[in-house]
Amino acid sequence: VFADADLLKLGRRTATVDVRLWQGDDRRLVAQATVGYVLPD
C-alpha cells in the first residue's frame, strides 16, 4: 500500500495534508484522508 502525502497548508501554527492511499496504480485509490496537525509553538 502506498501513501502519497501532499502538503495543502504549512502555516506557523497548523498544517493540513491530503493523503491518498493506493495499490498498483496511483489513480486507483483505496482511501483518501485529510489530516490536520497543530505545530509546536
PDB file of all heavy atoms in Angstrom:
ATOM      1  N   VAL A   1       0.875  -1.173   0.000  1.00  0.00           N
ATOM      2  CA  VAL A   1       0.000   0.000   0.000  1.00  0.00           C
ATOM      3  C   VAL A   1       0.909   1.219   0.000  1.00  0.00           C
ATOM      4  O   VAL A   1       1.851   1.302   0.788  1.00  0.00           O
ATOM      5  CB  VAL A   1      -0.890   0.057   1.259  1.00  0.00           C
ATOM      6  CG1 VAL A   1      -1.845   1.246   1.185  1.00  0.00           C
ATOM      7  CG2 VAL A   1      -1.630  -1.235   1.482  1.00  0.00           C
ATOM      8  N   PHE A   2       0.629   2.170  -0.879  1.00  0.00           N
ATOM      9  CA  PHE A   2       1.409   3.402  -0.947  1.00  0.00           C
ATOM     10  C   PHE A   2       0.574   4.561  -0.427  1.00  0.00           C
ATOM     11  O   PHE A   2      -0.640   4.602  -0.627  1.00  0.00           O
ATOM     12  CB  PHE A   2       1.859   3.676  -2.381  1.00  0.00           C
ATOM     13  CG  PHE A   2       2.857   2.678  -2.873  1.00  0.00           C
ATOM     14  CD1 PHE A   2       2.436   1.508  -3.486  1.00  0.00           C
ATOM     15  CD2 PHE A   2       4.216   2.880  -2.692  1.00  0.00           C
ATOM     16  CE1 PHE A   2       3.348   0.560  -3.925  1.00  0.00           C
ATOM     17  CE2 PHE A   2       5.136   1.931  -3.119  1.00  0.00           C
ATOM     18  CZ  PHE A   2       4.694   0.773  -3.739  1.00  0.00           C
ATOM     19  N   ALA A   3       1.249   5.488   0.244  1.00  0.00           N
ATOM     20  CA  ALA A   3       0.616   6.704   0.755  1.00  0.00           C
ATOM     21  C   ALA A   3       1.330   7.899   0.157  1.00  0.00           C
ATOM     22  O   ALA A   3       2.530   8.074   0.360  1.00  0.00           O
ATOM     23  CB  ALA A   3       0.703   6.746   2.274  1.00  0.00           C
ATOM     24  N   ASP A   4       0.598   8.697  -0.604  1.00  0.00           N
ATOM     25  CA  ASP A   4       1.128   9.953  -1.142  1.00  0.00           C
ATOM     26  C   ASP A   4       0.581  11.092  -0.298  1.00  0.00           C
ATOM     27  O   ASP A   4      -0.636  11.334  -0.291  1.00  0.00           O
ATOM     28  CB  ASP A   4       0.726  10.143  -2.604  1.00  0.00           C
ATOM     29  CG  ASP A   4       1.449   9.200  -3.540  1.00  0.00           C
ATOM     30  OD1 ASP A   4       2.492   8.644  -3.139  1.00  0.00           O
ATOM     31  OD2 ASP A   4       0.980   9.007  -4.674  1.00  0.00           O
ATOM     32  N   ALA A   5       1.461  11.760   0.442  1.00  0.00           N
ATOM     33  CA  ALA A   5       1.073  12.850   1.330  1.00  0.00           C
ATOM     34  C   ALA A   5       1.464  14.175   0.697  1.00  0.00           C
ATOM     35  O   ALA A   5       2.651  14.418   0.438  1.00  0.00           O
ATOM     36  CB  ALA A   5       1.755  12.684   2.684  1.00  0.00           C
ATOM     37  N   ASP A   6       0.464  15.011   0.431  1.00  0.00           N
ATOM     38  CA  ASP A   6       0.675  16.326  -0.173  1.00  0.00           C
ATOM     39  C   ASP A   6       0.322  17.411   0.829  1.00  0.00           C
ATOM     40  O   ASP A   6      -0.805  17.437   1.352  1.00  0.00           O
ATOM     41  CB  ASP A   6      -0.188  16.495  -1.423  1.00  0.00           C
ATOM     42  CG  ASP A   6       0.297  15.656  -2.576  1.00  0.00           C
ATOM     43  OD1 ASP A   6       1.389  15.939  -3.079  1.00  0.00           O
ATOM     44  OD2 ASP A   6      -0.429  14.712  -2.968  1.00  0.00           O
ATOM     45  N   LEU A   7       1.271  18.311   1.081  1.00  0.00           N
ATOM     46  CA  LEU A   7       1.003  19.435   1.976  1.00  0.00           C
ATOM     47  C   LEU A   7       0.038  20.403   1.294  1.00  0.00           C
ATOM     48  O   LEU A   7       0.316  20.913   0.209  1.00  0.00           O
ATOM     49  CB  LEU A   7       2.303  20.183   2.275  1.00  0.00           C
ATOM     50  CG  LEU A   7       3.120  19.681   3.438  1.00  0.00           C
ATOM     51  CD1 LEU A   7       4.482  20.361   3.472  1.00  0.00           C
ATOM     52  CD2 LEU A   7       2.395  19.886   4.743  1.00  0.00           C
ATOM     53  N   LEU A   8      -1.104  20.625   1.921  1.00  0.00           N
ATOM     54  CA  LEU A   8      -2.047  21.617   1.413  1.00  0.00           C
ATOM     55  C   LEU A   8      -1.775  22.973   2.041  1.00  0.00           C
ATOM     56  O   LEU A   8      -1.937  24.007   1.407  1.00  0.00           O
ATOM     57  CB  LEU A   8      -3.490  21.189   1.715  1.00  0.00           C
ATOM     58  CG  LEU A   8      -3.934  19.863   1.107  1.00  0.00           C
ATOM     59  CD1 LEU A   8      -5.361  19.539   1.543  1.00  0.00           C
ATOM     60  CD2 LEU A   8      -3.818  19.898  -0.405  1.00  0.00           C
ATOM     61  N   LYS A   9      -1.367  22.949   3.318  1.00  0.00           N
ATOM     62  CA  LYS A   9      -1.055  24.192   4.039  1.00  0.00           C
ATOM     63  C   LYS A   9       0.017  23.884   5.074  1.00  0.00           C
ATOM     64  O   LYS A   9      -0.076  22.889   5.797  1.00  0.00           O
ATOM     65  CB  LYS A   9      -2.292  24.719   4.760  1.00  0.00           C
ATOM     66  CG  LYS A   9      -1.983  25.948   5.614  1.00  0.00           C
ATOM     67  CD  LYS A   9      -3.119  26.323   6.528  1.00  0.00           C
ATOM     68  CE  LYS A   9      -2.679  27.488   7.396  1.00  0.00           C
ATOM     69  NZ  LYS A   9      -3.556  27.699   8.525  1.00  0.00           N
ATOM     70  N   LEU A  10       1.018  24.716   5.129  1.00  0.00           N
ATOM     71  CA  LEU A  10       2.026  24.643   6.181  1.00  0.00           C
ATOM     72  C   LEU A  10       2.176  26.049   6.739  1.00  0.00           C
ATOM     73  O   LEU A  10       2.889  26.882   6.183  1.00  0.00           O
ATOM     74  CB  LEU A  10       3.360  24.120   5.638  1.00  0.00           C
ATOM     75  CG  LEU A  10       4.476  23.969   6.665  1.00  0.00           C
ATOM     76  CD1 LEU A  10       4.074  22.994   7.774  1.00  0.00           C
ATOM     77  CD2 LEU A  10       5.753  23.495   5.990  1.00  0.00           C
ATOM     78  N   GLY A  11       1.425  26.304   7.807  1.00  0.00           N
ATOM     79  CA  GLY A  11       1.459  27.612   8.438  1.00  0.00           C
ATOM     80  C   GLY A  11       2.355  27.613   9.660  1.00  0.00           C
ATOM     81  O   GLY A  11       3.065  26.649   9.942  1.00  0.00           O
ATOM     82  N   ARG A  12       2.302  28.724  10.410  1.00  0.00           N
ATOM     83  CA  ARG A  12       3.104  28.817  11.627  1.00  0.00           C
ATOM     84  C   ARG A  12       2.563  27.930  12.731  1.00  0.00           C
ATOM     85  O   ARG A  12       3.319  27.407  13.540  1.00  0.00           O
ATOM     86  CB  ARG A  12       3.132  30.269  12.121  1.00  0.00           C
ATOM     87  CG  ARG A  12       4.024  31.153  11.300  1.00  0.00           C
ATOM     88  CD  ARG A  12       4.198  32.561  11.867  1.00  0.00           C
ATOM     89  NE  ARG A  12       3.925  32.677  13.281  1.00  0.00           N
ATOM     90  CZ  ARG A  12       2.974  33.462  13.789  1.00  0.00           C
ATOM     91  NH1 ARG A  12       2.209  34.183  13.024  1.00  0.00           N
ATOM     92  NH2 ARG A  12       2.792  33.524  15.082  1.00  0.00           N
ATOM     93  N   ARG A  13       1.250  27.760  12.784  1.00  0.00           N
ATOM     94  CA  ARG A  13       0.628  27.019  13.883  1.00  0.00           C
ATOM     95  C   ARG A  13      -0.076  25.728  13.456  1.00  0.00           C
ATOM     96  O   ARG A  13      -0.279  24.852  14.281  1.00  0.00           O
ATOM     97  CB  ARG A  13      -0.368  27.902  14.612  1.00  0.00           C
ATOM     98  CG  ARG A  13       0.300  29.086  15.260  1.00  0.00           C
ATOM     99  CD  ARG A  13      -0.712  29.885  16.049  1.00  0.00           C
ATOM    100  NE  ARG A  13      -0.113  31.090  16.568  1.00  0.00           N
ATOM    101  CZ  ARG A  13       0.395  31.198  17.780  1.00  0.00           C
ATOM    102  NH1 ARG A  13       0.386  30.168  18.582  1.00  0.00           N
ATOM    103  NH2 ARG A  13       0.910  32.324  18.191  1.00  0.00           N
ATOM    104  N   THR A  14      -0.479  25.651  12.195  1.00  0.00           N
ATOM    105  CA  THR A  14      -1.199  24.461  11.739  1.00  0.00           C
ATOM    106  C   THR A  14      -0.689  24.001  10.371  1.00  0.00           C
ATOM    107  O   THR A  14      -0.110  24.785   9.620  1.00  0.00           O
ATOM    108  CB  THR A  14      -2.719  24.711  11.624  1.00  0.00           C
ATOM    109  OG1 THR A  14      -2.956  25.706  10.625  1.00  0.00           O
ATOM    110  CG2 THR A  14      -3.324  25.134  12.952  1.00  0.00           C
ATOM    111  N   ALA A  15      -0.932  22.744  10.109  1.00  0.00           N
ATOM    112  CA  ALA A  15      -0.623  22.170   8.800  1.00  0.00           C
ATOM    113  C   ALA A  15      -1.777  21.258   8.403  1.00  0.00           C
ATOM    114  O   ALA A  15      -2.393  20.609   9.254  1.00  0.00           O
ATOM    115  CB  ALA A  15       0.682  21.383   8.849  1.00  0.00           C
ATOM    116  N   THR A  16      -2.059  21.217   7.104  1.00  0.00           N
ATOM    117  CA  THR A  16      -3.098  20.342   6.568  1.00  0.00           C
ATOM    118  C   THR A  16      -2.499  19.545   5.430  1.00  0.00           C
ATOM    119  O   THR A  16      -1.806  20.090   4.571  1.00  0.00           O
ATOM    120  CB  THR A  16      -4.306  21.158   6.071  1.00  0.00           C
ATOM    121  OG1 THR A  16      -4.776  21.984   7.137  1.00  0.00           O
ATOM    122  CG2 THR A  16      -5.425  20.247   5.592  1.00  0.00           C
ATOM    123  N   VAL A  17      -2.775  18.233   5.442  1.00  0.00           N
ATOM    124  CA  VAL A  17      -2.173  17.316   4.472  1.00  0.00           C
ATOM    125  C   VAL A  17      -3.259  16.452   3.839  1.00  0.00           C
ATOM    126  O   VAL A  17      -4.138  15.940   4.541  1.00  0.00           O
ATOM    127  CB  VAL A  17      -1.130  16.403   5.161  1.00  0.00           C
ATOM    128  CG1 VAL A  17      -0.463  15.475   4.150  1.00  0.00           C
ATOM    129  CG2 VAL A  17      -0.084  17.237   5.902  1.00  0.00           C
ATOM    130  N   ASP A  18      -3.184  16.305   2.528  1.00  0.00           N
ATOM    131  CA  ASP A  18      -4.025  15.366   1.791  1.00  0.00           C
ATOM    132  C   ASP A  18      -3.214  14.087   1.615  1.00  0.00           C
ATOM    133  O   ASP A  18      -2.086  14.138   1.118  1.00  0.00           O
ATOM    134  CB  ASP A  18      -4.396  15.947   0.421  1.00  0.00           C
ATOM    135  CG  ASP A  18      -5.152  14.954  -0.431  1.00  0.00           C
ATOM    136  OD1 ASP A  18      -6.274  14.571  -0.048  1.00  0.00           O
ATOM    137  OD2 ASP A  18      -4.619  14.546  -1.484  1.00  0.00           O
ATOM    138  N   VAL A  19      -3.767  12.947   2.039  1.00  0.00           N
ATOM    139  CA  VAL A  19      -3.066  11.669   1.910  1.00  0.00           C
ATOM    140  C   VAL A  19      -3.927  10.730   1.080  1.00  0.00           C
ATOM    141  O   VAL A  19      -5.090  10.490   1.419  1.00  0.00           O
ATOM    142  CB  VAL A  19      -2.762  11.019   3.276  1.00  0.00           C
ATOM    143  CG1 VAL A  19      -1.973   9.728   3.087  1.00  0.00           C
ATOM    144  CG2 VAL A  19      -1.996  11.985   4.177  1.00  0.00           C
ATOM    145  N   ARG A  20      -3.357  10.243   0.001  1.00  0.00           N
ATOM    146  CA  ARG A  20      -4.055   9.300  -0.873  1.00  0.00           C
ATOM    147  C   ARG A  20      -3.365   7.944  -0.785  1.00  0.00           C
ATOM    148  O   ARG A  20      -2.163   7.847  -1.029  1.00  0.00           O
ATOM    149  CB  ARG A  20      -4.067   9.829  -2.295  1.00  0.00           C
ATOM    150  CG  ARG A  20      -4.926  11.078  -2.370  1.00  0.00           C
ATOM    151  CD  ARG A  20      -4.776  11.848  -3.658  1.00  0.00           C
ATOM    152  NE  ARG A  20      -5.547  13.067  -3.543  1.00  0.00           N
ATOM    153  CZ  ARG A  20      -6.696  13.276  -4.167  1.00  0.00           C
ATOM    154  NH1 ARG A  20      -7.182  12.373  -4.979  1.00  0.00           N
ATOM    155  NH2 ARG A  20      -7.340  14.406  -4.005  1.00  0.00           N
ATOM    156  N   LEU A  21      -4.136   6.929  -0.425  1.00  0.00           N
ATOM    157  CA  LEU A  21      -3.623   5.565  -0.282  1.00  0.00           C
ATOM    158  C   LEU A  21      -4.039   4.761  -1.516  1.00  0.00           C
ATOM    159  O   LEU A  21      -5.204   4.812  -1.913  1.00  0.00           O
ATOM    160  CB  LEU A  21      -4.182   4.917   0.980  1.00  0.00           C
ATOM    161  CG  LEU A  21      -3.953   5.681   2.285  1.00  0.00           C
ATOM    162  CD1 LEU A  21      -4.617   4.962   3.446  1.00  0.00           C
ATOM    163  CD2 LEU A  21      -2.486   5.881   2.555  1.00  0.00           C
ATOM    164  N   TRP A  22      -3.082   4.036  -2.079  1.00  0.00           N
ATOM    165  CA  TRP A  22      -3.367   3.307  -3.318  1.00  0.00           C
ATOM    166  C   TRP A  22      -2.559   2.022  -3.400  1.00  0.00           C
ATOM    167  O   TRP A  22      -1.580   1.851  -2.683  1.00  0.00           O
ATOM    168  CB  TRP A  22      -3.120   4.195  -4.531  1.00  0.00           C
ATOM    169  CG  TRP A  22      -1.738   4.777  -4.612  1.00  0.00           C
ATOM    170  CD1 TRP A  22      -1.298   5.928  -4.004  1.00  0.00           C
ATOM    171  CD2 TRP A  22      -0.620   4.248  -5.320  1.00  0.00           C
ATOM    172  NE1 TRP A  22       0.029   6.141  -4.301  1.00  0.00           N
ATOM    173  CE2 TRP A  22       0.478   5.124  -5.111  1.00  0.00           C
ATOM    174  CE3 TRP A  22      -0.417   3.119  -6.108  1.00  0.00           C
ATOM    175  CZ2 TRP A  22       1.739   4.904  -5.660  1.00  0.00           C
ATOM    176  CZ3 TRP A  22       0.836   2.896  -6.661  1.00  0.00           C
ATOM    177  CH2 TRP A  22       1.890   3.790  -6.431  1.00  0.00           C
ATOM    178  N   GLN A  23      -3.004   1.160  -4.308  1.00  0.00           N
ATOM    179  CA  GLN A  23      -2.309  -0.097  -4.591  1.00  0.00           C
ATOM    180  C   GLN A  23      -2.247  -0.280  -6.098  1.00  0.00           C
ATOM    181  O   GLN A  23      -3.248  -0.076  -6.787  1.00  0.00           O
ATOM    182  CB  GLN A  23      -3.058  -1.291  -3.990  1.00  0.00           C
ATOM    183  CG  GLN A  23      -3.052  -1.310  -2.493  1.00  0.00           C
ATOM    184  CD  GLN A  23      -3.765  -2.525  -1.942  1.00  0.00           C
ATOM    185  OE1 GLN A  23      -4.910  -2.779  -2.261  1.00  0.00           O
ATOM    186  NE2 GLN A  23      -3.069  -3.271  -1.090  1.00  0.00           N
ATOM    187  N   GLY A  24      -1.077  -0.656  -6.604  1.00  0.00           N
ATOM    188  CA  GLY A  24      -0.938  -0.986  -8.016  1.00  0.00           C
ATOM    189  C   GLY A  24      -0.874   0.202  -8.954  1.00  0.00           C
ATOM    190  O   GLY A  24       0.003   0.281  -9.791  1.00  0.00           O
ATOM    191  N   ASP A  25      -1.787   1.131  -8.841  1.00  0.00           N
ATOM    192  CA  ASP A  25      -1.887   2.287  -9.735  1.00  0.00           C
ATOM    193  C   ASP A  25      -2.316   3.483  -8.897  1.00  0.00           C
ATOM    194  O   ASP A  25      -3.343   3.421  -8.210  1.00  0.00           O
ATOM    195  CB  ASP A  25      -2.921   1.985 -10.832  1.00  0.00           C
ATOM    196  CG  ASP A  25      -3.087   3.103 -11.840  1.00  0.00           C
ATOM    197  OD1 ASP A  25      -2.753   4.273 -11.540  1.00  0.00           O
ATOM    198  OD2 ASP A  25      -3.566   2.809 -12.942  1.00  0.00           O
ATOM    199  N   ASP A  26      -1.545   4.569  -8.949  1.00  0.00           N
ATOM    200  CA  ASP A  26      -1.845   5.714  -8.082  1.00  0.00           C
ATOM    201  C   ASP A  26      -3.166   6.401  -8.419  1.00  0.00           C
ATOM    202  O   ASP A  26      -3.612   7.274  -7.694  1.00  0.00           O
ATOM    203  CB  ASP A  26      -0.691   6.713  -8.062  1.00  0.00           C
ATOM    204  CG  ASP A  26      -0.427   7.372  -9.401  1.00  0.00           C
ATOM    205  OD1 ASP A  26      -1.118   7.082 -10.389  1.00  0.00           O
ATOM    206  OD2 ASP A  26       0.515   8.191  -9.452  1.00  0.00           O
ATOM    207  N   ARG A  27      -3.814   5.985  -9.494  1.00  0.00           N
ATOM    208  CA  ARG A  27      -5.135   6.537  -9.815  1.00  0.00           C
ATOM    209  C   ARG A  27      -6.261   5.674  -9.241  1.00  0.00           C
ATOM    210  O   ARG A  27      -7.420   6.043  -9.321  1.00  0.00           O
ATOM    211  CB  ARG A  27      -5.304   6.666 -11.328  1.00  0.00           C
ATOM    212  CG  ARG A  27      -4.329   7.692 -11.928  1.00  0.00           C
ATOM    213  CD  ARG A  27      -4.307   7.606 -13.399  1.00  0.00           C
ATOM    214  NE  ARG A  27      -3.805   6.257 -13.739  1.00  0.00           N
ATOM    215  CZ  ARG A  27      -3.619   5.823 -14.956  1.00  0.00           C
ATOM    216  NH1 ARG A  27      -3.878   6.583 -15.981  1.00  0.00           N
ATOM    217  NH2 ARG A  27      -3.163   4.597 -15.177  1.00  0.00           N
ATOM    218  N   ARG A  28      -5.909   4.527  -8.684  1.00  0.00           N
ATOM    219  CA  ARG A  28      -6.911   3.611  -8.111  1.00  0.00           C
ATOM    220  C   ARG A  28      -6.774   3.645  -6.585  1.00  0.00           C
ATOM    221  O   ARG A  28      -6.117   2.803  -5.980  1.00  0.00           O
ATOM    222  CB  ARG A  28      -6.714   2.209  -8.667  1.00  0.00           C
ATOM    223  CG  ARG A  28      -7.825   1.276  -8.330  1.00  0.00           C
ATOM    224  CD  ARG A  28      -7.846   0.077  -9.280  1.00  0.00           C
ATOM    225  NE  ARG A  28      -8.692  -0.971  -8.781  1.00  0.00           N
ATOM    226  CZ  ARG A  28     -10.010  -0.984  -8.870  1.00  0.00           C
ATOM    227  NH1 ARG A  28     -10.631   0.021  -9.448  1.00  0.00           N
ATOM    228  NH2 ARG A  28     -10.709  -1.990  -8.396  1.00  0.00           N
ATOM    229  N   LEU A  29      -7.420   4.614  -5.986  1.00  0.00           N
ATOM    230  CA  LEU A  29      -7.295   4.835  -4.552  1.00  0.00           C
ATOM    231  C   LEU A  29      -8.063   3.797  -3.745  1.00  0.00           C
ATOM    232  O   LEU A  29      -9.165   3.397  -4.126  1.00  0.00           O
ATOM    233  CB  LEU A  29      -7.816   6.219  -4.176  1.00  0.00           C
ATOM    234  CG  LEU A  29      -7.152   7.421  -4.855  1.00  0.00           C
ATOM    235  CD1 LEU A  29      -7.781   8.708  -4.350  1.00  0.00           C
ATOM    236  CD2 LEU A  29      -5.661   7.421  -4.642  1.00  0.00           C
ATOM    237  N   VAL A  30      -7.467   3.393  -2.625  1.00  0.00           N
ATOM    238  CA  VAL A  30      -8.190   2.560  -1.663  1.00  0.00           C
ATOM    239  C   VAL A  30      -8.753   3.427  -0.541  1.00  0.00           C
ATOM    240  O   VAL A  30      -9.741   3.064   0.094  1.00  0.00           O
ATOM    241  CB  VAL A  30      -7.330   1.412  -1.101  1.00  0.00           C
ATOM    242  CG1 VAL A  30      -6.951   0.439  -2.192  1.00  0.00           C
ATOM    243  CG2 VAL A  30      -6.111   1.910  -0.374  1.00  0.00           C
ATOM    244  N   ALA A  31      -8.137   4.595  -0.300  1.00  0.00           N
ATOM    245  CA  ALA A  31      -8.631   5.515   0.722  1.00  0.00           C
ATOM    246  C   ALA A  31      -8.040   6.901   0.475  1.00  0.00           C
ATOM    247  O   ALA A  31      -7.012   7.048  -0.183  1.00  0.00           O
ATOM    248  CB  ALA A  31      -8.256   5.031   2.119  1.00  0.00           C
ATOM    249  N   GLN A  32      -8.724   7.907   1.009  1.00  0.00           N
ATOM    250  CA  GLN A  32      -8.239   9.279   0.957  1.00  0.00           C
ATOM    251  C   GLN A  32      -8.471   9.889   2.326  1.00  0.00           C
ATOM    252  O   GLN A  32      -9.541   9.724   2.915  1.00  0.00           O
ATOM    253  CB  GLN A  32      -8.980  10.086  -0.118  1.00  0.00           C
ATOM    254  CG  GLN A  32      -8.492  11.518  -0.301  1.00  0.00           C
ATOM    255  CD  GLN A  32      -9.064  12.489   0.717  1.00  0.00           C
ATOM    256  OE1 GLN A  32     -10.175  12.342   1.168  1.00  0.00           O
ATOM    257  NE2 GLN A  32      -8.278  13.478   1.091  1.00  0.00           N
ATOM    258  N   ALA A  33      -7.445  10.569   2.852  1.00  0.00           N
ATOM    259  CA  ALA A  33      -7.549  11.184   4.174  1.00  0.00           C
ATOM    260  C   ALA A  33      -7.114  12.639   4.117  1.00  0.00           C
ATOM    261  O   ALA A  33      -6.238  13.012   3.342  1.00  0.00           O
ATOM    262  CB  ALA A  33      -6.684  10.424   5.187  1.00  0.00           C
ATOM    263  N   THR A  34      -7.740  13.438   4.959  1.00  0.00           N
ATOM    264  CA  THR A  34      -7.294  14.803   5.206  1.00  0.00           C
ATOM    265  C   THR A  34      -6.863  14.837   6.667  1.00  0.00           C
ATOM    266  O   THR A  34      -7.645  14.461   7.547  1.00  0.00           O
ATOM    267  CB  THR A  34      -8.411  15.818   4.940  1.00  0.00           C
ATOM    268  OG1 THR A  34      -8.872  15.649   3.594  1.00  0.00           O
ATOM    269  CG2 THR A  34      -7.909  17.242   5.139  1.00  0.00           C
ATOM    270  N   VAL A  35      -5.607  15.235   6.886  1.00  0.00           N
ATOM    271  CA  VAL A  35      -5.031  15.190   8.227  1.00  0.00           C
ATOM    272  C   VAL A  35      -4.580  16.588   8.618  1.00  0.00           C
ATOM    273  O   VAL A  35      -3.897  17.266   7.851  1.00  0.00           O
ATOM    274  CB  VAL A  35      -3.832  14.211   8.281  1.00  0.00           C
ATOM    275  CG1 VAL A  35      -3.329  14.057   9.716  1.00  0.00           C
ATOM    276  CG2 VAL A  35      -4.189  12.857   7.691  1.00  0.00           C
ATOM    277  N   GLY A  36      -4.979  17.023   9.812  1.00  0.00           N
ATOM    278  CA  GLY A  36      -4.565  18.319  10.339  1.00  0.00           C
ATOM    279  C   GLY A  36      -3.660  18.136  11.539  1.00  0.00           C
ATOM    280  O   GLY A  36      -3.868  17.234  12.354  1.00  0.00           O
ATOM    281  N   TYR A  37      -2.660  18.987  11.632  1.00  0.00           N
ATOM    282  CA  TYR A  37      -1.737  18.971  12.757  1.00  0.00           C
ATOM    283  C   TYR A  37      -1.648  20.361  13.354  1.00  0.00           C
ATOM    284  O   TYR A  37      -1.659  21.360  12.635  1.00  0.00           O
ATOM    285  CB  TYR A  37      -0.330  18.577  12.305  1.00  0.00           C
ATOM    286  CG  TYR A  37      -0.044  17.102  12.427  1.00  0.00           C
ATOM    287  CD1 TYR A  37      -0.422  16.225  11.422  1.00  0.00           C
ATOM    288  CD2 TYR A  37       0.577  16.593  13.560  1.00  0.00           C
ATOM    289  CE1 TYR A  37      -0.167  14.880  11.537  1.00  0.00           C
ATOM    290  CE2 TYR A  37       0.822  15.236  13.684  1.00  0.00           C
ATOM    291  CZ  TYR A  37       0.453  14.387  12.672  1.00  0.00           C
ATOM    292  OH  TYR A  37       0.687  13.052  12.799  1.00  0.00           O
ATOM    293  N   VAL A  38      -1.505  20.421  14.673  1.00  0.00           N
ATOM    294  CA  VAL A  38      -1.146  21.650  15.367  1.00  0.00           C
ATOM    295  C   VAL A  38       0.359  21.587  15.532  1.00  0.00           C
ATOM    296  O   VAL A  38       0.908  20.607  16.040  1.00  0.00           O
ATOM    297  CB  VAL A  38      -1.849  21.753  16.733  1.00  0.00           C
ATOM    298  CG1 VAL A  38      -1.368  22.981  17.480  1.00  0.00           C
ATOM    299  CG2 VAL A  38      -3.359  21.779  16.540  1.00  0.00           C
ATOM    300  N   LEU A  39       1.049  22.623  15.066  1.00  0.00           N
ATOM    301  CA  LEU A  39       2.514  22.660  15.123  1.00  0.00           C
ATOM    302  C   LEU A  39       2.985  23.203  16.457  1.00  0.00           C
ATOM    303  O   LEU A  39       2.278  23.978  17.096  1.00  0.00           O
ATOM    304  CB  LEU A  39       3.049  23.516  13.973  1.00  0.00           C
ATOM    305  CG  LEU A  39       2.641  23.059  12.570  1.00  0.00           C
ATOM    306  CD1 LEU A  39       3.183  24.021  11.530  1.00  0.00           C
ATOM    307  CD2 LEU A  39       3.102  21.651  12.297  1.00  0.00           C
ATOM    308  N   PRO A  40       4.207  22.830  16.859  1.00  0.00           N
ATOM    309  CA  PRO A  40       4.725  23.341  18.135  1.00  0.00           C
ATOM    310  C   PRO A  40       4.844  24.859  18.079  1.00  0.00           C
ATOM    311  O   PRO A  40       5.166  25.428  17.031  1.00  0.00           O
ATOM    312  CB  PRO A  40       6.088  22.681  18.272  1.00  0.00           C
ATOM    313  CG  PRO A  40       6.397  22.025  16.984  1.00  0.00           C
ATOM    314  CD  PRO A  40       5.141  21.987  16.161  1.00  0.00           C
ATOM    315  N   ASP A  41       4.584  25.498  19.212  1.00  0.00           N
ATOM    316  CA  ASP A  41       4.665  26.943  19.309  1.00  0.00           C
ATOM    317  C   ASP A  41       6.134  27.349  19.261  1.00  0.00           C
ATOM    318  O   ASP A  41       6.935  26.946  20.097  1.00  0.00           O
ATOM    319  CB  ASP A  41       4.021  27.405  20.615  1.00  0.00           C
ATOM    320  CG  ASP A  41       3.909  28.920  20.706  1.00  0.00           C
ATOM    321  OD1 ASP A  41       4.367  29.615  19.786  1.00  0.00           O
ATOM    322  OD2 ASP A  41       3.363  29.391  21.707  1.00  0.00           O
TER     323      ASP A  41
END
